[in-house]
Amino acid sequence: MALDQTQPPAVLPLVGVSSVAQLTENLADTELTLPEDAVRRLEAAAPFERGFPGDFLAECEPHPFLFGTAATRVDGRRGASL
């Protein structure tokens, strides 16, 4: 989840857990900040091209037309830019 927070706001992690302990552990990752070098190494290890519509959405301003009311509620992404 720490890596997901470096991605554009259109990228939202899906957290699947089977216990409160797993949820607590996963949510603790949101407090972790990865160094830029670590992000580059992780992204280079598994290159991924989003393609349409992901690349289009990543370039859009968070607008309710595209993202509904979540556009103004989702924030706190460290290092993310549109």
PDB file of N, CA and C in Angstrom:
ATOM      1  N   MET A   1       0.809  -1.186   0.000  1.00  0.00           N
ATOM      2  CA  MET A   1       0.000   0.000   0.000  1.00  0.00           C
ATOM      3  C   MET A   1       0.859   1.259   0.000  1.00  0.00           C
ATOM      4  N   ALA A   2       2.061   1.168   0.525  1.00  0.00           N
ATOM      5  CA  ALA A   2       2.943   2.335   0.514  1.00  0.00           C
ATOM      6  C   ALA A   2       3.284   2.725  -0.922  1.00  0.00           C
ATOM      7  N   LEU A   3       3.486   1.733  -1.790  1.00  0.00           N
ATOM      8  CA  LEU A   3       3.765   2.028  -3.190  1.00  0.00           C
ATOM      9  C   LEU A   3       2.529   2.616  -3.869  1.00  0.00           C
ATOM     10  N   ASP A   4       1.355   2.116  -3.553  1.00  0.00           N
ATOM     11  CA  ASP A   4       0.119   2.647  -4.144  1.00  0.00           C
ATOM     12  C   ASP A   4      -0.057   4.130  -3.845  1.00  0.00           C
ATOM     13  N   GLN A   5       0.412   4.571  -2.707  1.00  0.00           N
ATOM     14  CA  GLN A   5       0.252   5.975  -2.331  1.00  0.00           C
ATOM     15  C   GLN A   5       1.138   6.899  -3.146  1.00  0.00           C
ATOM     16  N   THR A   6       2.085   6.355  -3.874  1.00  0.00           N
ATOM     17  CA  THR A   6       2.928   7.186  -4.735  1.00  0.00           C
ATOM     18  C   THR A   6       2.321   7.333  -6.124  1.00  0.00           C
ATOM     19  N   GLN A   7       1.215   6.651  -6.373  1.00  0.00           N
ATOM     20  CA  GLN A   7       0.580   6.649  -7.682  1.00  0.00           C
ATOM     21  C   GLN A   7      -0.451   7.772  -7.792  1.00  0.00           C
ATOM     22  N   PRO A   8      -0.897   8.075  -9.017  1.00  0.00           N
ATOM     23  CA  PRO A   8      -1.931   9.095  -9.188  1.00  0.00           C
ATOM     24  C   PRO A   8      -3.191   8.740  -8.400  1.00  0.00           C
ATOM     25  N   PRO A   9      -3.980   9.750  -8.054  1.00  0.00           N
ATOM     26  CA  PRO A   9      -5.187   9.492  -7.250  1.00  0.00           C
ATOM     27  C   PRO A   9      -6.185   8.526  -7.890  1.00  0.00           C
ATOM     28  N   ALA A  10      -6.108   8.310  -9.190  1.00  0.00           N
ATOM     29  CA  ALA A  10      -7.026   7.369  -9.834  1.00  0.00           C
ATOM     30  C   ALA A  10      -6.710   5.923  -9.452  1.00  0.00           C
ATOM     31  N   VAL A  11      -5.546   5.674  -8.862  1.00  0.00           N
ATOM     32  CA  VAL A  11      -5.147   4.334  -8.437  1.00  0.00           C
ATOM     33  C   VAL A  11      -5.526   4.166  -6.970  1.00  0.00           C
ATOM     34  N   LEU A  12      -6.460   3.266  -6.721  1.00  0.00           N
ATOM     35  CA  LEU A  12      -6.899   2.991  -5.351  1.00  0.00           C
ATOM     36  C   LEU A  12      -6.645   1.530  -5.039  1.00  0.00           C
ATOM     37  N   PRO A  13      -5.957   1.253  -3.939  1.00  0.00           N
ATOM     38  CA  PRO A  13      -5.691  -0.147  -3.597  1.00  0.00           C
ATOM     39  C   PRO A  13      -6.964  -0.844  -3.125  1.00  0.00           C
ATOM     40  N   LEU A  14      -7.077  -2.100  -3.469  1.00  0.00           N
ATOM     41  CA  LEU A  14      -8.159  -2.938  -2.962  1.00  0.00           C
ATOM     42  C   LEU A  14      -7.569  -3.818  -1.874  1.00  0.00           C
ATOM     43  N   VAL A  15      -8.024  -3.622  -0.663  1.00  0.00           N
ATOM     44  CA  VAL A  15      -7.487  -4.348   0.477  1.00  0.00           C
ATOM     45  C   VAL A  15      -8.416  -5.507   0.803  1.00  0.00           C
ATOM     46  N   GLY A  16      -7.885  -6.708   0.718  1.00  0.00           N
ATOM     47  CA  GLY A  16      -8.662  -7.884   1.071  1.00  0.00           C
ATOM     48  C   GLY A  16      -8.077  -8.510   2.324  1.00  0.00           C
ATOM     49  N   VAL A  17      -8.879  -8.634   3.342  1.00  0.00           N
ATOM     50  CA  VAL A  17      -8.405  -9.194   4.609  1.00  0.00           C
ATOM     51  C   VAL A  17      -9.420 -10.201   5.122  1.00  0.00           C
ATOM     52  N   SER A  18      -8.943 -11.064   6.013  1.00  0.00           N
ATOM     53  CA  SER A  18      -9.849 -12.030   6.625  1.00  0.00           C
ATOM     54  C   SER A  18      -9.879 -11.903   8.142  1.00  0.00           C
ATOM     55  N   SER A  19      -9.185 -10.878   8.663  1.00  0.00           N
ATOM     56  CA  SER A  19      -9.209 -10.675  10.118  1.00  0.00           C
ATOM     57  C   SER A  19      -8.923  -9.211  10.426  1.00  0.00           C
ATOM     58  N   VAL A  20      -9.286  -8.816  11.614  1.00  0.00           N
ATOM     59  CA  VAL A  20      -9.011  -7.447  12.065  1.00  0.00           C
ATOM     60  C   VAL A  20      -7.497  -7.228  12.137  1.00  0.00           C
ATOM     61  N   ALA A  21      -6.762  -8.251  12.518  1.00  0.00           N
ATOM     62  CA  ALA A  21      -5.304  -8.129  12.617  1.00  0.00           C
ATOM     63  C   ALA A  21      -4.688  -7.825  11.245  1.00  0.00           C
ATOM     64  N   GLN A  22      -5.176  -8.498  10.199  1.00  0.00           N
ATOM     65  CA  GLN A  22      -4.669  -8.220   8.850  1.00  0.00           C
ATOM     66  C   GLN A  22      -5.018  -6.804   8.417  1.00  0.00           C
ATOM     67  N   LEU A  23      -6.223  -6.360   8.709  1.00  0.00           N
ATOM     68  CA  LEU A  23      -6.624  -5.004   8.357  1.00  0.00           C
ATOM     69  C   LEU A  23      -5.751  -3.988   9.075  1.00  0.00           C
ATOM     70  N   THR A  24      -5.516  -4.196  10.346  1.00  0.00           N
ATOM     71  CA  THR A  24      -4.663  -3.292  11.131  1.00  0.00           C
ATOM     72  C   THR A  24      -3.256  -3.235  10.552  1.00  0.00           C
ATOM     73  N   GLU A  25      -2.726  -4.384  10.193  1.00  0.00           N
ATOM     74  CA  GLU A  25      -1.379  -4.445   9.604  1.00  0.00           C
ATOM     75  C   GLU A  25      -1.334  -3.718   8.254  1.00  0.00           C
ATOM     76  N   ASN A  26      -2.339  -3.943   7.416  1.00  0.00           N
ATOM     77  CA  ASN A  26      -2.372  -3.286   6.113  1.00  0.00           C
ATOM     78  C   ASN A  26      -2.527  -1.779   6.249  1.00  0.00           C
ATOM     79  N   LEU A  27      -3.371  -1.338   7.151  1.00  0.00           N
ATOM     80  CA  LEU A  27      -3.566   0.104   7.329  1.00  0.00           C
ATOM     81  C   LEU A  27      -2.329   0.782   7.898  1.00  0.00           C
ATOM     82  N   ALA A  28      -1.518   0.040   8.641  1.00  0.00           N
ATOM     83  CA  ALA A  28      -0.267   0.604   9.164  1.00  0.00           C
ATOM     84  C   ALA A  28       0.665   0.990   8.017  1.00  0.00           C
ATOM     85  N   ASP A  29       0.537   0.320   6.874  1.00  0.00           N
ATOM     86  CA  ASP A  29       1.364   0.645   5.707  1.00  0.00           C
ATOM     87  C   ASP A  29       1.116   2.059   5.199  1.00  0.00           C
ATOM     88  N   THR A  30      -0.029   2.623   5.498  1.00  0.00           N
ATOM     89  CA  THR A  30      -0.322   3.983   5.027  1.00  0.00           C
ATOM     90  C   THR A  30       0.543   5.018   5.731  1.00  0.00           C
ATOM     91  N   GLU A  31       1.159   4.640   6.840  1.00  0.00           N
ATOM     92  CA  GLU A  31       2.061   5.549   7.565  1.00  0.00           C
ATOM     93  C   GLU A  31       3.492   5.471   7.024  1.00  0.00           C
ATOM     94  N   LEU A  32       3.743   4.514   6.164  1.00  0.00           N
ATOM     95  CA  LEU A  32       5.076   4.287   5.613  1.00  0.00           C
ATOM     96  C   LEU A  32       5.305   5.165   4.395  1.00  0.00           C
ATOM     97  N   THR A  33       6.442   5.820   4.328  1.00  0.00           N
ATOM     98  CA  THR A  33       6.809   6.618   3.158  1.00  0.00           C
ATOM     99  C   THR A  33       8.031   5.976   2.512  1.00  0.00           C
ATOM    100  N   LEU A  34       7.883   5.571   1.274  1.00  0.00           N
ATOM    101  CA  LEU A  34       9.003   4.955   0.560  1.00  0.00           C
ATOM    102  C   LEU A  34       9.930   6.026   0.005  1.00  0.00           C
ATOM    103  N   PRO A  35      11.239   5.834   0.128  1.00  0.00           N
ATOM    104  CA  PRO A  35      12.180   6.764  -0.509  1.00  0.00           C
ATOM    105  C   PRO A  35      12.011   6.712  -2.028  1.00  0.00           C
ATOM    106  N   GLU A  36      12.296   7.810  -2.697  1.00  0.00           N
ATOM    107  CA  GLU A  36      12.134   7.873  -4.156  1.00  0.00           C
ATOM    108  C   GLU A  36      12.920   6.784  -4.861  1.00  0.00           C
ATOM    109  N   ASP A  37      14.097   6.475  -4.357  1.00  0.00           N
ATOM    110  CA  ASP A  37      14.917   5.434  -4.974  1.00  0.00           C
ATOM    111  C   ASP A  37      14.211   4.076  -4.892  1.00  0.00           C
ATOM    112  N   ALA A  38      13.577   3.797  -3.775  1.00  0.00           N
ATOM    113  CA  ALA A  38      12.856   2.529  -3.617  1.00  0.00           C
ATOM    114  C   ALA A  38      11.672   2.455  -4.580  1.00  0.00           C
ATOM    115  N   VAL A  39      10.962   3.559  -4.760  1.00  0.00           N
ATOM    116  CA  VAL A  39       9.833   3.593  -5.692  1.00  0.00           C
ATOM    117  C   VAL A  39      10.330   3.326  -7.104  1.00  0.00           C
ATOM    118  N   ARG A  40      11.423   3.969  -7.504  1.00  0.00           N
ATOM    119  CA  ARG A  40      11.976   3.751  -8.856  1.00  0.00           C
ATOM    120  C   ARG A  40      12.386   2.300  -9.054  1.00  0.00           C
ATOM    121  N   ARG A  41      13.036   1.701  -8.038  1.00  0.00           N
ATOM    122  CA  ARG A  41      13.469   0.312  -8.163  1.00  0.00           C
ATOM    123  C   ARG A  41      12.278  -0.638  -8.261  1.00  0.00           C
ATOM    124  N   LEU A  42      11.243  -0.391  -7.461  1.00  0.00           N
ATOM    125  CA  LEU A  42      10.050  -1.244  -7.519  1.00  0.00           C
ATOM    126  C   LEU A  42       9.338  -1.124  -8.853  1.00  0.00           C
ATOM    127  N   GLU A  43       9.211   0.097  -9.352  1.00  0.00           N
ATOM    128  CA  GLU A  43       8.541   0.296 -10.640  1.00  0.00           C
ATOM    129  C   GLU A  43       9.358  -0.299 -11.787  1.00  0.00           C
ATOM    130  N   ALA A  44      10.672  -0.255 -11.694  1.00  0.00           N
ATOM    131  CA  ALA A  44      11.530  -0.828 -12.736  1.00  0.00           C
ATOM    132  C   ALA A  44      11.501  -2.356 -12.702  1.00  0.00           C
ATOM    133  N   ALA A  45      11.265  -2.932 -11.531  1.00  0.00           N
ATOM    134  CA  ALA A  45      11.257  -4.386 -11.395  1.00  0.00           C
ATOM    135  C   ALA A  45      10.075  -5.019 -12.132  1.00  0.00           C
ATOM    136  N   ALA A  46       8.978  -4.296 -12.212  1.00  0.00           N
ATOM    137  CA  ALA A  46       7.786  -4.814 -12.885  1.00  0.00           C
ATOM    138  C   ALA A  46       7.134  -3.681 -13.662  1.00  0.00           C
ATOM    139  N   PRO A  47       7.721  -3.322 -14.825  1.00  0.00           N
ATOM    140  CA  PRO A  47       7.154  -2.217 -15.589  1.00  0.00           C
ATOM    141  C   PRO A  47       5.705  -2.504 -15.968  1.00  0.00           C
ATOM    142  N   PHE A  48       4.918  -1.473 -15.911  1.00  0.00           N
ATOM    143  CA  PHE A  48       3.493  -1.629 -16.183  1.00  0.00           C
ATOM    144  C   PHE A  48       2.986  -0.398 -16.919  1.00  0.00           C
ATOM    145  N   GLU A  49       2.362  -0.616 -18.046  1.00  0.00           N
ATOM    146  CA  GLU A  49       1.750   0.484 -18.794  1.00  0.00           C
ATOM    147  C   GLU A  49       0.247   0.372 -18.603  1.00  0.00           C
ATOM    148  N   ARG A  50      -0.320   1.401 -18.003  1.00  0.00           N
ATOM    149  CA  ARG A  50      -1.734   1.378 -17.662  1.00  0.00           C
ATOM    150  C   ARG A  50      -2.631   1.215 -18.872  1.00  0.00           C
ATOM    151  N   GLY A  51      -2.426   2.000 -19.901  1.00  0.00           N
ATOM    152  CA  GLY A  51      -3.307   1.957 -21.066  1.00  0.00           C
ATOM    153  C   GLY A  51      -4.619   2.664 -20.783  1.00  0.00           C
ATOM    154  N   PHE A  52      -5.495   2.655 -21.788  1.00  0.00           N
ATOM    155  CA  PHE A  52      -6.783   3.329 -21.641  1.00  0.00           C
ATOM    156  C   PHE A  52      -7.731   2.430 -20.853  1.00  0.00           C
ATOM    157  N   PRO A  53      -8.507   2.947 -19.935  1.00  0.00           N
ATOM    158  CA  PRO A  53      -8.743   4.342 -19.590  1.00  0.00           C
ATOM    159  C   PRO A  53      -7.844   4.857 -18.470  1.00  0.00           C
ATOM    160  N   GLY A  54      -6.976   3.984 -17.918  1.00  0.00           N
ATOM    161  CA  GLY A  54      -6.143   4.394 -16.787  1.00  0.00           C
ATOM    162  C   GLY A  54      -5.259   5.583 -17.068  1.00  0.00           C
ATOM    163  N   ASP A  55      -4.600   5.604 -18.249  1.00  0.00           N
ATOM    164  CA  ASP A  55      -3.727   6.732 -18.556  1.00  0.00           C
ATOM    165  C   ASP A  55      -4.537   8.019 -18.705  1.00  0.00           C
ATOM    166  N   PHE A  56      -5.722   7.913 -19.267  1.00  0.00           N
ATOM    167  CA  PHE A  56      -6.598   9.079 -19.407  1.00  0.00           C
ATOM    168  C   PHE A  56      -7.027   9.591 -18.039  1.00  0.00           C
ATOM    169  N   LEU A  57      -7.463   8.694 -17.174  1.00  0.00           N
ATOM    170  CA  LEU A  57      -7.923   9.102 -15.846  1.00  0.00           C
ATOM    171  C   LEU A  57      -6.793   9.696 -15.013  1.00  0.00           C
ATOM    172  N   ALA A  58      -5.572   9.181 -15.165  1.00  0.00           N
ATOM    173  CA  ALA A  58      -4.435   9.694 -14.405  1.00  0.00           C
ATOM    174  C   ALA A  58      -4.113  11.138 -14.789  1.00  0.00           C
ATOM    175  N   GLU A  59      -4.476  11.538 -16.001  1.00  0.00           N
ATOM    176  CA  GLU A  59      -4.209  12.904 -16.457  1.00  0.00           C
ATOM    177  C   GLU A  59      -5.331  13.876 -16.093  1.00  0.00           C
ATOM    178  N   CYS A  60      -6.455  13.365 -15.637  1.00  0.00           N
ATOM    179  CA  CYS A  60      -7.616  14.211 -15.340  1.00  0.00           C
ATOM    180  C   CYS A  60      -7.515  14.817 -13.948  1.00  0.00           C
ATOM    181  N   GLU A  61      -8.017  16.018 -13.838  1.00  0.00           N
ATOM    182  CA  GLU A  61      -8.189  16.614 -12.519  1.00  0.00           C
ATOM    183  C   GLU A  61      -9.251  15.798 -11.793  1.00  0.00           C
ATOM    184  N   PRO A  62      -9.161  15.702 -10.462  1.00  0.00           N
ATOM    185  CA  PRO A  62     -10.210  14.965  -9.746  1.00  0.00           C
ATOM    186  C   PRO A  62     -11.540  15.700  -9.861  1.00  0.00           C
ATOM    187  N   HIS A  63     -12.333  15.324 -10.816  1.00  0.00           N
ATOM    188  CA  HIS A  63     -13.587  16.009 -11.116  1.00  0.00           C
ATOM    189  C   HIS A  63     -14.759  15.060 -10.829  1.00  0.00           C
ATOM    190  N   PRO A  64     -15.818  15.571 -10.201  1.00  0.00           N
ATOM    191  CA  PRO A  64     -16.958  14.708  -9.889  1.00  0.00           C
ATOM    192  C   PRO A  64     -17.566  14.012 -11.106  1.00  0.00           C
ATOM    193  N   PHE A  65     -17.420  14.586 -12.298  1.00  0.00           N
ATOM    194  CA  PHE A  65     -17.948  13.946 -13.503  1.00  0.00           C
ATOM    195  C   PHE A  65     -17.310  12.572 -13.710  1.00  0.00           C
ATOM    196  N   LEU A  66     -16.007  12.468 -13.434  1.00  0.00           N
ATOM    197  CA  LEU A  66     -15.298  11.202 -13.620  1.00  0.00           C
ATOM    198  C   LEU A  66     -15.275  10.345 -12.368  1.00  0.00           C
ATOM    199  N   PHE A  67     -15.104  10.991 -11.203  1.00  0.00           N
ATOM    200  CA  PHE A  67     -14.855  10.252  -9.977  1.00  0.00           C
ATOM    201  C   PHE A  67     -16.012  10.288  -8.984  1.00  0.00           C
ATOM    202  N   GLY A  68     -17.130  10.919  -9.349  1.00  0.00           N
ATOM    203  CA  GLY A  68     -18.248  11.024  -8.422  1.00  0.00           C
ATOM    204  C   GLY A  68     -17.869  11.870  -7.216  1.00  0.00           C
ATOM    205  N   THR A  69     -18.534  11.667  -6.119  1.00  0.00           N
ATOM    206  CA  THR A  69     -18.249  12.470  -4.931  1.00  0.00           C
ATOM    207  C   THR A  69     -16.923  12.083  -4.279  1.00  0.00           C
ATOM    208  N   ALA A  70     -16.355  10.944  -4.656  1.00  0.00           N
ATOM    209  CA  ALA A  70     -15.073  10.523  -4.095  1.00  0.00           C
ATOM    210  C   ALA A  70     -13.944  11.458  -4.514  1.00  0.00           C
ATOM    211  N   ALA A  71     -14.126  12.208  -5.583  1.00  0.00           N
ATOM    212  CA  ALA A  71     -13.075  13.101  -6.081  1.00  0.00           C
ATOM    213  C   ALA A  71     -12.650  14.100  -5.026  1.00  0.00           C
ATOM    214  N   THR A  72     -13.555  14.533  -4.199  1.00  0.00           N
ATOM    215  CA  THR A  72     -13.210  15.528  -3.198  1.00  0.00           C
ATOM    216  C   THR A  72     -12.944  14.905  -1.830  1.00  0.00           C
ATOM    217  N   ARG A  73     -13.176  13.616  -1.677  1.00  0.00           N
ATOM    218  CA  ARG A  73     -12.971  12.965  -0.383  1.00  0.00           C
ATOM    219  C   ARG A  73     -11.648  12.229  -0.286  1.00  0.00           C
ATOM    220  N   VAL A  74     -11.081  11.798  -1.401  1.00  0.00           N
ATOM    221  CA  VAL A  74      -9.849  11.017  -1.384  1.00  0.00           C
ATOM    222  C   VAL A  74      -8.669  11.973  -1.449  1.00  0.00           C
ATOM    223  N   ASP A  75      -7.837  11.911  -0.460  1.00  0.00           N
ATOM    224  CA  ASP A  75      -6.642  12.754  -0.436  1.00  0.00           C
ATOM    225  C   ASP A  75      -5.557  12.066   0.380  1.00  0.00           C
ATOM    226  N   GLY A  76      -4.498  12.798   0.650  1.00  0.00           N
ATOM    227  CA  GLY A  76      -3.436  12.228   1.461  1.00  0.00           C
ATOM    228  C   GLY A  76      -2.439  11.390   0.714  1.00  0.00           C
ATOM    229  N   ARG A  77      -2.472  11.438  -0.617  1.00  0.00           N
ATOM    230  CA  ARG A  77      -1.501  10.674  -1.389  1.00  0.00           C
ATOM    231  C   ARG A  77      -0.162  11.379  -1.317  1.00  0.00           C
ATOM    232  N   ARG A  78       0.831  10.688  -0.824  1.00  0.00           N
ATOM    233  CA  ARG A  78       2.166  11.270  -0.767  1.00  0.00           C
ATOM    234  C   ARG A  78       2.868  11.025  -2.097  1.00  0.00           C
ATOM    235  N   GLY A  79       3.401  12.084  -2.676  1.00  0.00           N
ATOM    236  CA  GLY A  79       4.152  11.957  -3.916  1.00  0.00           C
ATOM    237  C   GLY A  79       3.321  11.792  -5.148  1.00  0.00           C
ATOM    238  N   ALA A  80       2.026  11.780  -5.028  1.00  0.00           N
ATOM    239  CA  ALA A  80       1.172  11.597  -6.206  1.00  0.00           C
ATOM    240  C   ALA A  80       0.971  12.913  -6.915  1.00  0.00           C
ATOM    241  N   SER A  81       0.968  12.842  -8.198  1.00  0.00           N
ATOM    242  CA  SER A  81       0.662  14.029  -8.990  1.00  0.00           C
ATOM    243  C   SER A  81      -0.141  13.596 -10.189  1.00  0.00           C
ATOM    244  N   LEU A  82      -0.912  14.510 -10.690  1.00  0.00           N
ATOM    245  CA  LEU A  82      -1.727  14.200 -11.867  1.00  0.00           C
ATOM    246  C   LEU A  82      -0.997  14.589 -13.115  1.00  0.00           C
TER     247      LEU A  82
END
